[in-house]
Amino acid sequence: MNRVLILEDEPLIAMDLVMAFEDCAIATVTAVTCAEACSALDEQPIDGAVLDVNLGGGETCEEIALALKERSIPFILNTGDLDRSGEMLRAIDAPVVAKPTPADRVVERLMDHAGIR
């Protein structure tokens, strides 16, 4: 079974994504901070990830995005803050899904990008 990491600080968005992935028989691991996400990467195999760009308290997903790139794990960025994060988004160079997008479409985008079926 494929496993996806969801890095998201909004509980309702995370819950919607978890349910949408489960509907596709894909296991999920959720994290609210980059530290939690890094621990998840170290503890279990991850086949793809959905990253919220701005995690609150000034934290961004940049640290985990770099860790995923180093491990060649595909990911997408899911953000509602395209203007403010523009420069960082270009530097990360990953597909971007603008919030709000229905969870099933976010799942579809990651599955297409990561080749998960």
PDB file of N, CA and C in Angstrom:
ATOM      1  N   MET A   1       0.842  -1.192   0.000  1.00  0.00           N
ATOM      2  CA  MET A   1       0.000   0.000   0.000  1.00  0.00           C
ATOM      3  C   MET A   1       0.879   1.244   0.000  1.00  0.00           C
ATOM      4  N   ASN A   2       0.516   2.209  -0.802  1.00  0.00           N
ATOM      5  CA  ASN A   2       1.231   3.478  -0.841  1.00  0.00           C
ATOM      6  C   ASN A   2       0.940   4.291   0.418  1.00  0.00           C
ATOM      7  N   ARG A   3       1.914   5.124   0.799  1.00  0.00           N
ATOM      8  CA  ARG A   3       1.764   5.981   1.978  1.00  0.00           C
ATOM      9  C   ARG A   3       2.165   7.404   1.595  1.00  0.00           C
ATOM     10  N   VAL A   4       1.321   8.361   1.996  1.00  0.00           N
ATOM     11  CA  VAL A   4       1.523   9.768   1.678  1.00  0.00           C
ATOM     12  C   VAL A   4       1.634  10.575   2.962  1.00  0.00           C
ATOM     13  N   LEU A   5       2.551  11.520   2.952  1.00  0.00           N
ATOM     14  CA  LEU A   5       2.708  12.470   4.048  1.00  0.00           C
ATOM     15  C   LEU A   5       1.884  13.710   3.754  1.00  0.00           C
ATOM     16  N   ILE A   6       1.115  14.145   4.750  1.00  0.00           N
ATOM     17  CA  ILE A   6       0.358  15.390   4.648  1.00  0.00           C
ATOM     18  C   ILE A   6       0.900  16.336   5.711  1.00  0.00           C
ATOM     19  N   LEU A   7       1.505  17.434   5.270  1.00  0.00           N
ATOM     20  CA  LEU A   7       1.991  18.477   6.180  1.00  0.00           C
ATOM     21  C   LEU A   7       1.021  19.638   6.070  1.00  0.00           C
ATOM     22  N   GLU A   8       0.198  19.806   7.096  1.00  0.00           N
ATOM     23  CA  GLU A   8      -0.888  20.791   7.054  1.00  0.00           C
ATOM     24  C   GLU A   8      -1.215  21.238   8.475  1.00  0.00           C
ATOM     25  N   ASP A   9      -1.263  22.553   8.687  1.00  0.00           N
ATOM     26  CA  ASP A   9      -1.551  23.060  10.034  1.00  0.00           C
ATOM     27  C   ASP A   9      -3.034  23.314  10.297  1.00  0.00           C
ATOM     28  N   GLU A  10      -3.870  23.219   9.269  1.00  0.00           N
ATOM     29  CA  GLU A  10      -5.314  23.402   9.449  1.00  0.00           C
ATOM     30  C   GLU A  10      -5.971  22.027   9.594  1.00  0.00           C
ATOM     31  N   PRO A  11      -6.508  21.703  10.787  1.00  0.00           N
ATOM     32  CA  PRO A  11      -7.046  20.364  11.033  1.00  0.00           C
ATOM     33  C   PRO A  11      -8.139  19.922  10.053  1.00  0.00           C
ATOM     34  N   LEU A  12      -9.036  20.810   9.671  1.00  0.00           N
ATOM     35  CA  LEU A  12     -10.113  20.407   8.767  1.00  0.00           C
ATOM     36  C   LEU A  12      -9.594  20.074   7.373  1.00  0.00           C
ATOM     37  N   ILE A  13      -8.622  20.848   6.903  1.00  0.00           N
ATOM     38  CA  ILE A  13      -8.025  20.553   5.594  1.00  0.00           C
ATOM     39  C   ILE A  13      -7.291  19.215   5.652  1.00  0.00           C
ATOM     40  N   ALA A  14      -6.523  19.009   6.714  1.00  0.00           N
ATOM     41  CA  ALA A  14      -5.802  17.741   6.870  1.00  0.00           C
ATOM     42  C   ALA A  14      -6.778  16.569   6.897  1.00  0.00           C
ATOM     43  N   MET A  15      -7.873  16.713   7.637  1.00  0.00           N
ATOM     44  CA  MET A  15      -8.857  15.641   7.740  1.00  0.00           C
ATOM     45  C   MET A  15      -9.488  15.342   6.382  1.00  0.00           C
ATOM     46  N   ASP A  16      -9.819  16.389   5.632  1.00  0.00           N
ATOM     47  CA  ASP A  16     -10.380  16.184   4.289  1.00  0.00           C
ATOM     48  C   ASP A  16      -9.406  15.430   3.388  1.00  0.00           C
ATOM     49  N   LEU A  17      -8.132  15.806   3.446  1.00  0.00           N
ATOM     50  CA  LEU A  17      -7.131  15.128   2.627  1.00  0.00           C
ATOM     51  C   LEU A  17      -6.964  13.672   3.045  1.00  0.00           C
ATOM     52  N   VAL A  18      -6.923  13.417   4.350  1.00  0.00           N
ATOM     53  CA  VAL A  18      -6.795  12.039   4.840  1.00  0.00           C
ATOM     54  C   VAL A  18      -7.942  11.189   4.305  1.00  0.00           C
ATOM     55  N   MET A  19      -9.168  11.687   4.423  1.00  0.00           N
ATOM     56  CA  MET A  19     -10.328  10.919   3.958  1.00  0.00           C
ATOM     57  C   MET A  19     -10.288  10.701   2.447  1.00  0.00           C
ATOM     58  N   ALA A  20      -9.851  11.710   1.692  1.00  0.00           N
ATOM     59  CA  ALA A  20      -9.774  11.570   0.237  1.00  0.00           C
ATOM     60  C   ALA A  20      -8.717  10.540  -0.163  1.00  0.00           C
ATOM     61  N   PHE A  21      -7.578  10.537   0.522  1.00  0.00           N
ATOM     62  CA  PHE A  21      -6.558   9.519   0.229  1.00  0.00           C
ATOM     63  C   PHE A  21      -7.055   8.132   0.619  1.00  0.00           C
ATOM     64  N   GLU A  22      -7.723   8.032   1.777  1.00  0.00           N
ATOM     65  CA  GLU A  22      -8.256   6.736   2.203  1.00  0.00           C
ATOM     66  C   GLU A  22      -9.269   6.203   1.204  1.00  0.00           C
ATOM     67  N   ASP A  23     -10.069   7.087   0.606  1.00  0.00           N
ATOM     68  CA  ASP A  23     -11.022   6.667  -0.427  1.00  0.00           C
ATOM     69  C   ASP A  23     -10.316   6.030  -1.617  1.00  0.00           C
ATOM     70  N   CYS A  24      -9.048   6.361  -1.811  1.00  0.00           N
ATOM     71  CA  CYS A  24      -8.242   5.797  -2.905  1.00  0.00           C
ATOM     72  C   CYS A  24      -7.342   4.662  -2.406  1.00  0.00           C
ATOM     73  N   ALA A  25      -7.594   4.192  -1.177  1.00  0.00           N
ATOM     74  CA  ALA A  25      -6.808   3.110  -0.566  1.00  0.00           C
ATOM     75  C   ALA A  25      -5.331   3.474  -0.415  1.00  0.00           C
ATOM     76  N   ILE A  26      -5.088   4.742  -0.059  1.00  0.00           N
ATOM     77  CA  ILE A  26      -3.730   5.219   0.178  1.00  0.00           C
ATOM     78  C   ILE A  26      -3.622   5.607   1.644  1.00  0.00           C
ATOM     79  N   ALA A  27      -2.641   5.042   2.337  1.00  0.00           N
ATOM     80  CA  ALA A  27      -2.409   5.349   3.745  1.00  0.00           C
ATOM     81  C   ALA A  27      -1.808   6.749   3.873  1.00  0.00           C
ATOM     82  N   THR A  28      -2.067   7.395   4.994  1.00  0.00           N
ATOM     83  CA  THR A  28      -1.540   8.740   5.214  1.00  0.00           C
ATOM     84  C   THR A  28      -0.834   8.841   6.561  1.00  0.00           C
ATOM     85  N   VAL A  29       0.079   9.774   6.613  1.00  0.00           N
ATOM     86  CA  VAL A  29       0.734  10.187   7.842  1.00  0.00           C
ATOM     87  C   VAL A  29       0.589  11.695   7.865  1.00  0.00           C
ATOM     88  N   THR A  30       0.095  12.247   8.971  1.00  0.00           N
ATOM     89  CA  THR A  30      -0.087  13.692   9.032  1.00  0.00           C
ATOM     90  C   THR A  30       0.939  14.317   9.978  1.00  0.00           C
ATOM     91  N   ALA A  31       1.283  15.560   9.666  1.00  0.00           N
ATOM     92  CA  ALA A  31       2.200  16.343  10.489  1.00  0.00           C
ATOM     93  C   ALA A  31       1.750  17.794  10.445  1.00  0.00           C
ATOM     94  N   VAL A  32       2.027  18.502  11.535  1.00  0.00           N
ATOM     95  CA  VAL A  32       1.669  19.915  11.643  1.00  0.00           C
ATOM     96  C   VAL A  32       2.902  20.800  11.510  1.00  0.00           C
ATOM     97  N   THR A  33       4.066  20.240  11.798  1.00  0.00           N
ATOM     98  CA  THR A  33       5.321  20.993  11.732  1.00  0.00           C
ATOM     99  C   THR A  33       6.334  20.224  10.880  1.00  0.00           C
ATOM    100  N   CYS A  34       7.371  20.915  10.466  1.00  0.00           N
ATOM    101  CA  CYS A  34       8.440  20.249   9.705  1.00  0.00           C
ATOM    102  C   CYS A  34       9.138  19.202  10.563  1.00  0.00           C
ATOM    103  N   ALA A  35       9.285  19.463  11.850  1.00  0.00           N
ATOM    104  CA  ALA A  35       9.924  18.488  12.741  1.00  0.00           C
ATOM    105  C   ALA A  35       9.130  17.189  12.769  1.00  0.00           C
ATOM    106  N   GLU A  36       7.806  17.282  12.874  1.00  0.00           N
ATOM    107  CA  GLU A  36       6.962  16.087  12.848  1.00  0.00           C
ATOM    108  C   GLU A  36       7.073  15.379  11.503  1.00  0.00           C
ATOM    109  N   ALA A  37       7.100  16.147  10.435  1.00  0.00           N
ATOM    110  CA  ALA A  37       7.201  15.562   9.095  1.00  0.00           C
ATOM    111  C   ALA A  37       8.538  14.858   8.909  1.00  0.00           C
ATOM    112  N   CYS A  38       9.616  15.449   9.398  1.00  0.00           N
ATOM    113  CA  CYS A  38      10.940  14.819   9.291  1.00  0.00           C
ATOM    114  C   CYS A  38      10.975  13.514  10.073  1.00  0.00           C
ATOM    115  N   SER A  39      10.371  13.497  11.255  1.00  0.00           N
ATOM    116  CA  SER A  39      10.293  12.260  12.041  1.00  0.00           C
ATOM    117  C   SER A  39       9.538  11.188  11.267  1.00  0.00           C
ATOM    118  N   ALA A  40       8.425  11.571  10.644  1.00  0.00           N
ATOM    119  CA  ALA A  40       7.647  10.614   9.859  1.00  0.00           C
ATOM    120  C   ALA A  40       8.481  10.038   8.720  1.00  0.00           C
ATOM    121  N   LEU A  41       9.268  10.886   8.059  1.00  0.00           N
ATOM    122  CA  LEU A  41      10.131  10.411   6.967  1.00  0.00           C
ATOM    123  C   LEU A  41      11.154   9.395   7.463  1.00  0.00           C
ATOM    124  N   ASP A  42      11.658   9.621   8.663  1.00  0.00           N
ATOM    125  CA  ASP A  42      12.668   8.717   9.220  1.00  0.00           C
ATOM    126  C   ASP A  42      12.068   7.408   9.713  1.00  0.00           C
ATOM    127  N   GLU A  43      10.774   7.414  10.040  1.00  0.00           N
ATOM    128  CA  GLU A  43      10.162   6.248  10.669  1.00  0.00           C
ATOM    129  C   GLU A  43       9.493   5.281   9.698  1.00  0.00           C
ATOM    130  N   GLN A  44       9.129   5.731   8.510  1.00  0.00           N
ATOM    131  CA  GLN A  44       8.385   4.862   7.595  1.00  0.00           C
ATOM    132  C   GLN A  44       8.579   5.295   6.154  1.00  0.00           C
ATOM    133  N   PRO A  45       8.359   4.367   5.227  1.00  0.00           N
ATOM    134  CA  PRO A  45       8.489   4.742   3.817  1.00  0.00           C
ATOM    135  C   PRO A  45       7.344   5.660   3.391  1.00  0.00           C
ATOM    136  N   ILE A  46       7.679   6.686   2.635  1.00  0.00           N
ATOM    137  CA  ILE A  46       6.714   7.661   2.128  1.00  0.00           C
ATOM    138  C   ILE A  46       6.847   7.677   0.608  1.00  0.00           C
ATOM    139  N   ASP A  47       5.696   7.611  -0.080  1.00  0.00           N
ATOM    140  CA  ASP A  47       5.704   7.577  -1.538  1.00  0.00           C
ATOM    141  C   ASP A  47       5.412   8.920  -2.190  1.00  0.00           C
ATOM    142  N   GLY A  48       4.925   9.869  -1.407  1.00  0.00           N
ATOM    143  CA  GLY A  48       4.587  11.189  -1.918  1.00  0.00           C
ATOM    144  C   GLY A  48       4.133  12.065  -0.768  1.00  0.00           C
ATOM    145  N   ALA A  49       3.968  13.364  -1.040  1.00  0.00           N
ATOM    146  CA  ALA A  49       3.573  14.275   0.031  1.00  0.00           C
ATOM    147  C   ALA A  49       2.787  15.458  -0.512  1.00  0.00           C
ATOM    148  N   VAL A  50       1.912  15.966   0.352  1.00  0.00           N
ATOM    149  CA  VAL A  50       1.191  17.209   0.108  1.00  0.00           C
ATOM    150  C   VAL A  50       1.647  18.163   1.205  1.00  0.00           C
ATOM    151  N   LEU A  51       2.234  19.291   0.808  1.00  0.00           N
ATOM    152  CA  LEU A  51       2.787  20.236   1.766  1.00  0.00           C
ATOM    153  C   LEU A  51       2.047  21.564   1.729  1.00  0.00           C
ATOM    154  N   ASP A  52       1.561  21.990   2.885  1.00  0.00           N
ATOM    155  CA  ASP A  52       1.068  23.351   3.039  1.00  0.00           C
ATOM    156  C   ASP A  52       2.305  24.231   3.114  1.00  0.00           C
ATOM    157  N   VAL A  53       2.310  25.339   2.434  1.00  0.00           N
ATOM    158  CA  VAL A  53       3.506  26.177   2.378  1.00  0.00           C
ATOM    159  C   VAL A  53       3.734  26.928   3.684  1.00  0.00           C
ATOM    160  N   ASN A  54       2.712  27.603   4.187  1.00  0.00           N
ATOM    161  CA  ASN A  54       2.837  28.385   5.424  1.00  0.00           C
ATOM    162  C   ASN A  54       2.153  27.653   6.560  1.00  0.00           C
ATOM    163  N   LEU A  55       2.946  27.320   7.580  1.00  0.00           N
ATOM    164  CA  LEU A  55       2.469  26.474   8.667  1.00  0.00           C
ATOM    165  C   LEU A  55       2.137  27.244   9.940  1.00  0.00           C
ATOM    166  N   GLY A  56       2.158  28.540   9.900  1.00  0.00           N
ATOM    167  CA  GLY A  56       1.868  29.336  11.091  1.00  0.00           C
ATOM    168  C   GLY A  56       3.118  29.574  11.912  1.00  0.00           C
ATOM    169  N   GLY A  57       3.094  30.624  12.685  1.00  0.00           N
ATOM    170  CA  GLY A  57       4.242  30.960  13.520  1.00  0.00           C
ATOM    171  C   GLY A  57       5.490  31.259  12.721  1.00  0.00           C
ATOM    172  N   GLY A  58       5.333  31.633  11.458  1.00  0.00           N
ATOM    173  CA  GLY A  58       6.481  31.954  10.619  1.00  0.00           C
ATOM    174  C   GLY A  58       7.160  30.742  10.002  1.00  0.00           C
ATOM    175  N   GLU A  59       6.701  29.526  10.308  1.00  0.00           N
ATOM    176  CA  GLU A  59       7.309  28.321   9.744  1.00  0.00           C
ATOM    177  C   GLU A  59       6.751  28.054   8.342  1.00  0.00           C
ATOM    178  N   THR A  60       7.630  27.625   7.447  1.00  0.00           N
ATOM    179  CA  THR A  60       7.222  27.218   6.103  1.00  0.00           C
ATOM    180  C   THR A  60       7.597  25.754   5.896  1.00  0.00           C
ATOM    181  N   CYS A  61       7.183  25.219   4.774  1.00  0.00           N
ATOM    182  CA  CYS A  61       7.463  23.813   4.458  1.00  0.00           C
ATOM    183  C   CYS A  61       8.840  23.617   3.831  1.00  0.00           C
ATOM    184  N   GLU A  62       9.610  24.675   3.707  1.00  0.00           N
ATOM    185  CA  GLU A  62      10.866  24.593   2.952  1.00  0.00           C
ATOM    186  C   GLU A  62      11.789  23.483   3.439  1.00  0.00           C
ATOM    187  N   GLU A  63      11.931  23.318   4.745  1.00  0.00           N
ATOM    188  CA  GLU A  63      12.826  22.291   5.292  1.00  0.00           C
ATOM    189  C   GLU A  63      12.415  20.890   4.827  1.00  0.00           C
ATOM    190  N   ILE A  64      11.145  20.572   4.915  1.00  0.00           N
ATOM    191  CA  ILE A  64      10.694  19.237   4.524  1.00  0.00           C
ATOM    192  C   ILE A  64      10.707  19.087   2.999  1.00  0.00           C
ATOM    193  N   ALA A  65      10.453  20.163   2.278  1.00  0.00           N
ATOM    194  CA  ALA A  65      10.536  20.099   0.812  1.00  0.00           C
ATOM    195  C   ALA A  65      11.948  19.721   0.380  1.00  0.00           C
ATOM    196  N   LEU A  66      12.935  20.325   1.006  1.00  0.00           N
ATOM    197  CA  LEU A  66      14.327  19.992   0.681  1.00  0.00           C
ATOM    198  C   LEU A  66      14.653  18.551   1.047  1.00  0.00           C
ATOM    199  N   ALA A  67      14.147  18.085   2.194  1.00  0.00           N
ATOM    200  CA  ALA A  67      14.383  16.696   2.612  1.00  0.00           C
ATOM    201  C   ALA A  67      13.740  15.720   1.631  1.00  0.00           C
ATOM    202  N   LEU A  68      12.547  16.049   1.157  1.00  0.00           N
ATOM    203  CA  LEU A  68      11.881  15.189   0.180  1.00  0.00           C
ATOM    204  C   LEU A  68      12.649  15.159  -1.134  1.00  0.00           C
ATOM    205  N   LYS A  69      13.134  16.317  -1.570  1.00  0.00           N
ATOM    206  CA  LYS A  69      13.927  16.368  -2.814  1.00  0.00           C
ATOM    207  C   LYS A  69      15.189  15.518  -2.692  1.00  0.00           C
ATOM    208  N   GLU A  70      15.860  15.607  -1.537  1.00  0.00           N
ATOM    209  CA  GLU A  70      17.072  14.812  -1.319  1.00  0.00           C
ATOM    210  C   GLU A  70      16.798  13.326  -1.423  1.00  0.00           C
ATOM    211  N   ARG A  71      15.600  12.923  -1.024  1.00  0.00           N
ATOM    212  CA  ARG A  71      15.227  11.501  -1.044  1.00  0.00           C
ATOM    213  C   ARG A  71      14.475  11.115  -2.317  1.00  0.00           C
ATOM    214  N   SER A  72      14.342  12.053  -3.233  1.00  0.00           N
ATOM    215  CA  SER A  72      13.624  11.831  -4.500  1.00  0.00           C
ATOM    216  C   SER A  72      12.184  11.362  -4.287  1.00  0.00           C
ATOM    217  N   ILE A  73      11.536  11.953  -3.280  1.00  0.00           N
ATOM    218  CA  ILE A  73      10.128  11.663  -3.006  1.00  0.00           C
ATOM    219  C   ILE A  73       9.298  12.789  -3.619  1.00  0.00           C
ATOM    220  N   PRO A  74       8.389  12.464  -4.529  1.00  0.00           N
ATOM    221  CA  PRO A  74       7.594  13.506  -5.179  1.00  0.00           C
ATOM    222  C   PRO A  74       6.614  14.165  -4.196  1.00  0.00           C
ATOM    223  N   PHE A  75       6.386  15.459  -4.413  1.00  0.00           N
ATOM    224  CA  PHE A  75       5.449  16.178  -3.562  1.00  0.00           C
ATOM    225  C   PHE A  75       4.828  17.325  -4.339  1.00  0.00           C
ATOM    226  N   ILE A  76       3.699  17.786  -3.808  1.00  0.00           N
ATOM    227  CA  ILE A  76       3.059  18.987  -4.333  1.00  0.00           C
ATOM    228  C   ILE A  76       2.880  19.972  -3.198  1.00  0.00           C
ATOM    229  N   LEU A  77       2.764  21.235  -3.563  1.00  0.00           N
ATOM    230  CA  LEU A  77       2.511  22.297  -2.601  1.00  0.00           C
ATOM    231  C   LEU A  77       1.040  22.667  -2.680  1.00  0.00           C
ATOM    232  N   ASN A  78       0.417  22.804  -1.516  1.00  0.00           N
ATOM    233  CA  ASN A  78      -0.997  23.143  -1.432  1.00  0.00           C
ATOM    234  C   ASN A  78      -1.091  24.418  -0.598  1.00  0.00           C
ATOM    235  N   THR A  79      -1.348  25.549  -1.257  1.00  0.00           N
ATOM    236  CA  THR A  79      -1.278  26.819  -0.543  1.00  0.00           C
ATOM    237  C   THR A  79      -2.355  27.789  -0.991  1.00  0.00           C
ATOM    238  N   GLY A  80      -2.770  28.618  -0.065  1.00  0.00           N
ATOM    239  CA  GLY A  80      -3.700  29.690  -0.377  1.00  0.00           C
ATOM    240  C   GLY A  80      -3.009  31.028  -0.396  1.00  0.00           C
ATOM    241  N   ASP A  81      -1.702  31.017  -0.302  1.00  0.00           N
ATOM    242  CA  ASP A  81      -0.921  32.237  -0.151  1.00  0.00           C
ATOM    243  C   ASP A  81       0.081  32.384  -1.289  1.00  0.00           C
ATOM    244  N   LEU A  82      -0.423  32.328  -2.515  1.00  0.00           N
ATOM    245  CA  LEU A  82       0.459  32.334  -3.681  1.00  0.00           C
ATOM    246  C   LEU A  82       1.259  33.622  -3.823  1.00  0.00           C
ATOM    247  N   ASP A  83       0.663  34.766  -3.526  1.00  0.00           N
ATOM    248  CA  ASP A  83       1.373  36.035  -3.701  1.00  0.00           C
ATOM    249  C   ASP A  83       2.526  36.185  -2.727  1.00  0.00           C
ATOM    250  N   ARG A  84       2.253  35.977  -1.450  1.00  0.00           N
ATOM    251  CA  ARG A  84       3.272  36.197  -0.434  1.00  0.00           C
ATOM    252  C   ARG A  84       4.396  35.169  -0.518  1.00  0.00           C
ATOM    253  N   SER A  85       4.097  33.979  -0.976  1.00  0.00           N
ATOM    254  CA  SER A  85       5.088  32.903  -1.012  1.00  0.00           C
ATOM    255  C   SER A  85       5.718  32.714  -2.386  1.00  0.00           C
ATOM    256  N   GLY A  86       5.456  33.602  -3.302  1.00  0.00           N
ATOM    257  CA  GLY A  86       5.884  33.426  -4.683  1.00  0.00           C
ATOM    258  C   GLY A  86       7.342  33.074  -4.880  1.00  0.00           C
ATOM    259  N   GLU A  87       8.240  33.808  -4.270  1.00  0.00           N
ATOM    260  CA  GLU A  87       9.677  33.567  -4.451  1.00  0.00           C
ATOM    261  C   GLU A  87      10.074  32.195  -3.924  1.00  0.00           C
ATOM    262  N   MET A  88       9.586  31.843  -2.734  1.00  0.00           N
ATOM    263  CA  MET A  88       9.924  30.543  -2.170  1.00  0.00           C
ATOM    264  C   MET A  88       9.337  29.421  -3.036  1.00  0.00           C
ATOM    265  N   LEU A  89       8.132  29.614  -3.556  1.00  0.00           N
ATOM    266  CA  LEU A  89       7.516  28.591  -4.402  1.00  0.00           C
ATOM    267  C   LEU A  89       8.359  28.340  -5.642  1.00  0.00           C
ATOM    268  N   ARG A  90       8.887  29.389  -6.228  1.00  0.00           N
ATOM    269  CA  ARG A  90       9.756  29.222  -7.406  1.00  0.00           C
ATOM    270  C   ARG A  90      11.035  28.479  -7.029  1.00  0.00           C
ATOM    271  N   ALA A  91      11.578  28.775  -5.857  1.00  0.00           N
ATOM    272  CA  ALA A  91      12.815  28.125  -5.424  1.00  0.00           C
ATOM    273  C   ALA A  91      12.602  26.636  -5.157  1.00  0.00           C
ATOM    274  N   ILE A  92      11.449  26.282  -4.613  1.00  0.00           N
ATOM    275  CA  ILE A  92      11.167  24.875  -4.318  1.00  0.00           C
ATOM    276  C   ILE A  92      10.914  24.103  -5.599  1.00  0.00           C
ATOM    277  N   ASP A  93      10.313  24.744  -6.600  1.00  0.00           N
ATOM    278  CA  ASP A  93      10.095  24.141  -7.912  1.00  0.00           C
ATOM    279  C   ASP A  93       9.336  22.816  -7.829  1.00  0.00           C
ATOM    280  N   ALA A  94       8.096  22.910  -7.348  1.00  0.00           N
ATOM    281  CA  ALA A  94       7.210  21.749  -7.276  1.00  0.00           C
ATOM    282  C   ALA A  94       5.836  22.174  -7.776  1.00  0.00           C
ATOM    283  N   PRO A  95       5.022  21.230  -8.202  1.00  0.00           N
ATOM    284  CA  PRO A  95       3.663  21.584  -8.621  1.00  0.00           C
ATOM    285  C   PRO A  95       2.904  22.257  -7.475  1.00  0.00           C
ATOM    286  N   VAL A  96       2.106  23.256  -7.817  1.00  0.00           N
ATOM    287  CA  VAL A  96       1.345  24.006  -6.818  1.00  0.00           C
ATOM    288  C   VAL A  96      -0.146  23.839  -7.083  1.00  0.00           C
ATOM    289  N   VAL A  97      -0.886  23.528  -6.024  1.00  0.00           N
ATOM    290  CA  VAL A  97      -2.342  23.477  -6.068  1.00  0.00           C
ATOM    291  C   VAL A  97      -2.830  24.593  -5.154  1.00  0.00           C
ATOM    292  N   ALA A  98      -3.601  25.508  -5.715  1.00  0.00           N
ATOM    293  CA  ALA A  98      -4.070  26.657  -4.945  1.00  0.00           C
ATOM    294  C   ALA A  98      -5.243  26.267  -4.047  1.00  0.00           C
ATOM    295  N   LYS A  99      -5.192  26.739  -2.807  1.00  0.00           N
ATOM    296  CA  LYS A  99      -6.341  26.569  -1.901  1.00  0.00           C
ATOM    297  C   LYS A  99      -7.336  27.667  -2.211  1.00  0.00           C
ATOM    298  N   PRO A 100      -8.623  27.412  -2.119  1.00  0.00           N
ATOM    299  CA  PRO A 100      -9.209  26.105  -1.802  1.00  0.00           C
ATOM    300  C   PRO A 100      -9.421  25.270  -3.064  1.00  0.00           C
ATOM    301  N   THR A 101      -8.957  24.056  -3.023  1.00  0.00           N
ATOM    302  CA  THR A 101      -9.209  23.071  -4.070  1.00  0.00           C
ATOM    303  C   THR A 101      -9.784  21.847  -3.373  1.00  0.00           C
ATOM    304  N   PRO A 102     -10.833  21.244  -3.911  1.00  0.00           N
ATOM    305  CA  PRO A 102     -11.397  20.060  -3.265  1.00  0.00           C
ATOM    306  C   PRO A 102     -10.324  18.992  -3.030  1.00  0.00           C
ATOM    307  N   ALA A 103     -10.427  18.314  -1.894  1.00  0.00           N
ATOM    308  CA  ALA A 103      -9.425  17.327  -1.494  1.00  0.00           C
ATOM    309  C   ALA A 103      -9.226  16.244  -2.548  1.00  0.00           C
ATOM    310  N   ASP A 104     -10.299  15.802  -3.197  1.00  0.00           N
ATOM    311  CA  ASP A 104     -10.137  14.743  -4.199  1.00  0.00           C
ATOM    312  C   ASP A 104      -9.302  15.213  -5.390  1.00  0.00           C
ATOM    313  N   ARG A 105      -9.374  16.491  -5.705  1.00  0.00           N
ATOM    314  CA  ARG A 105      -8.546  17.020  -6.811  1.00  0.00           C
ATOM    315  C   ARG A 105      -7.081  17.120  -6.380  1.00  0.00           C
ATOM    316  N   VAL A 106      -6.843  17.478  -5.103  1.00  0.00           N
ATOM    317  CA  VAL A 106      -5.470  17.519  -4.585  1.00  0.00           C
ATOM    318  C   VAL A 106      -4.875  16.113  -4.643  1.00  0.00           C
ATOM    319  N   VAL A 107      -5.648  15.128  -4.207  1.00  0.00           N
ATOM    320  CA  VAL A 107      -5.201  13.735  -4.242  1.00  0.00           C
ATOM    321  C   VAL A 107      -4.882  13.312  -5.672  1.00  0.00           C
ATOM    322  N   GLU A 108      -5.762  13.623  -6.578  1.00  0.00           N
ATOM    323  CA  GLU A 108      -5.554  13.275  -7.991  1.00  0.00           C
ATOM    324  C   GLU A 108      -4.272  13.903  -8.524  1.00  0.00           C
ATOM    325  N   ARG A 109      -4.037  15.151  -8.170  1.00  0.00           N
ATOM    326  CA  ARG A 109      -2.828  15.845  -8.644  1.00  0.00           C
ATOM    327  C   ARG A 109      -1.561  15.173  -8.124  1.00  0.00           C
ATOM    328  N   LEU A 110      -1.557  14.809  -6.825  1.00  0.00           N
ATOM    329  CA  LEU A 110      -0.370  14.131  -6.288  1.00  0.00           C
ATOM    330  C   LEU A 110      -0.209  12.752  -6.920  1.00  0.00           C
ATOM    331  N   MET A 111      -1.300  12.021  -7.059  1.00  0.00           N
ATOM    332  CA  MET A 111      -1.207  10.684  -7.657  1.00  0.00           C
ATOM    333  C   MET A 111      -0.640  10.767  -9.071  1.00  0.00           C
ATOM    334  N   ASP A 112      -1.083  11.743  -9.852  1.00  0.00           N
ATOM    335  CA  ASP A 112      -0.552  11.927 -11.203  1.00  0.00           C
ATOM    336  C   ASP A 112       0.929  12.283 -11.172  1.00  0.00           C
ATOM    337  N   HIS A 113       1.284  13.215 -10.290  1.00  0.00           N
ATOM    338  CA  HIS A 113       2.670  13.690 -10.208  1.00  0.00           C
ATOM    339  C   HIS A 113       3.617  12.586  -9.728  1.00  0.00           C
ATOM    340  N   ALA A 114       3.144  11.789  -8.757  1.00  0.00           N
ATOM    341  CA  ALA A 114       4.006  10.773  -8.142  1.00  0.00           C
ATOM    342  C   ALA A 114       3.881   9.403  -8.822  1.00  0.00           C
ATOM    343  N   GLY A 115       2.938   9.263  -9.744  1.00  0.00           N
ATOM    344  CA  GLY A 115       2.738   7.972 -10.394  1.00  0.00           C
ATOM    345  C   GLY A 115       2.153   6.937  -9.447  1.00  0.00           C
ATOM    346  N   ILE A 116       1.372   7.374  -8.477  1.00  0.00           N
ATOM    347  CA  ILE A 116       0.734   6.481  -7.515  1.00  0.00           C
ATOM    348  C   ILE A 116      -0.584   6.008  -8.089  1.00  0.00           C
ATOM    349  N   ARG A 117      -0.824   4.740  -8.024  1.00  0.00           N
ATOM    350  CA  ARG A 117      -2.107   4.169  -8.465  1.00  0.00           C
ATOM    351  C   ARG A 117      -2.567   3.140  -7.498  1.00  0.00           C
TER     352      ARG A 117
END
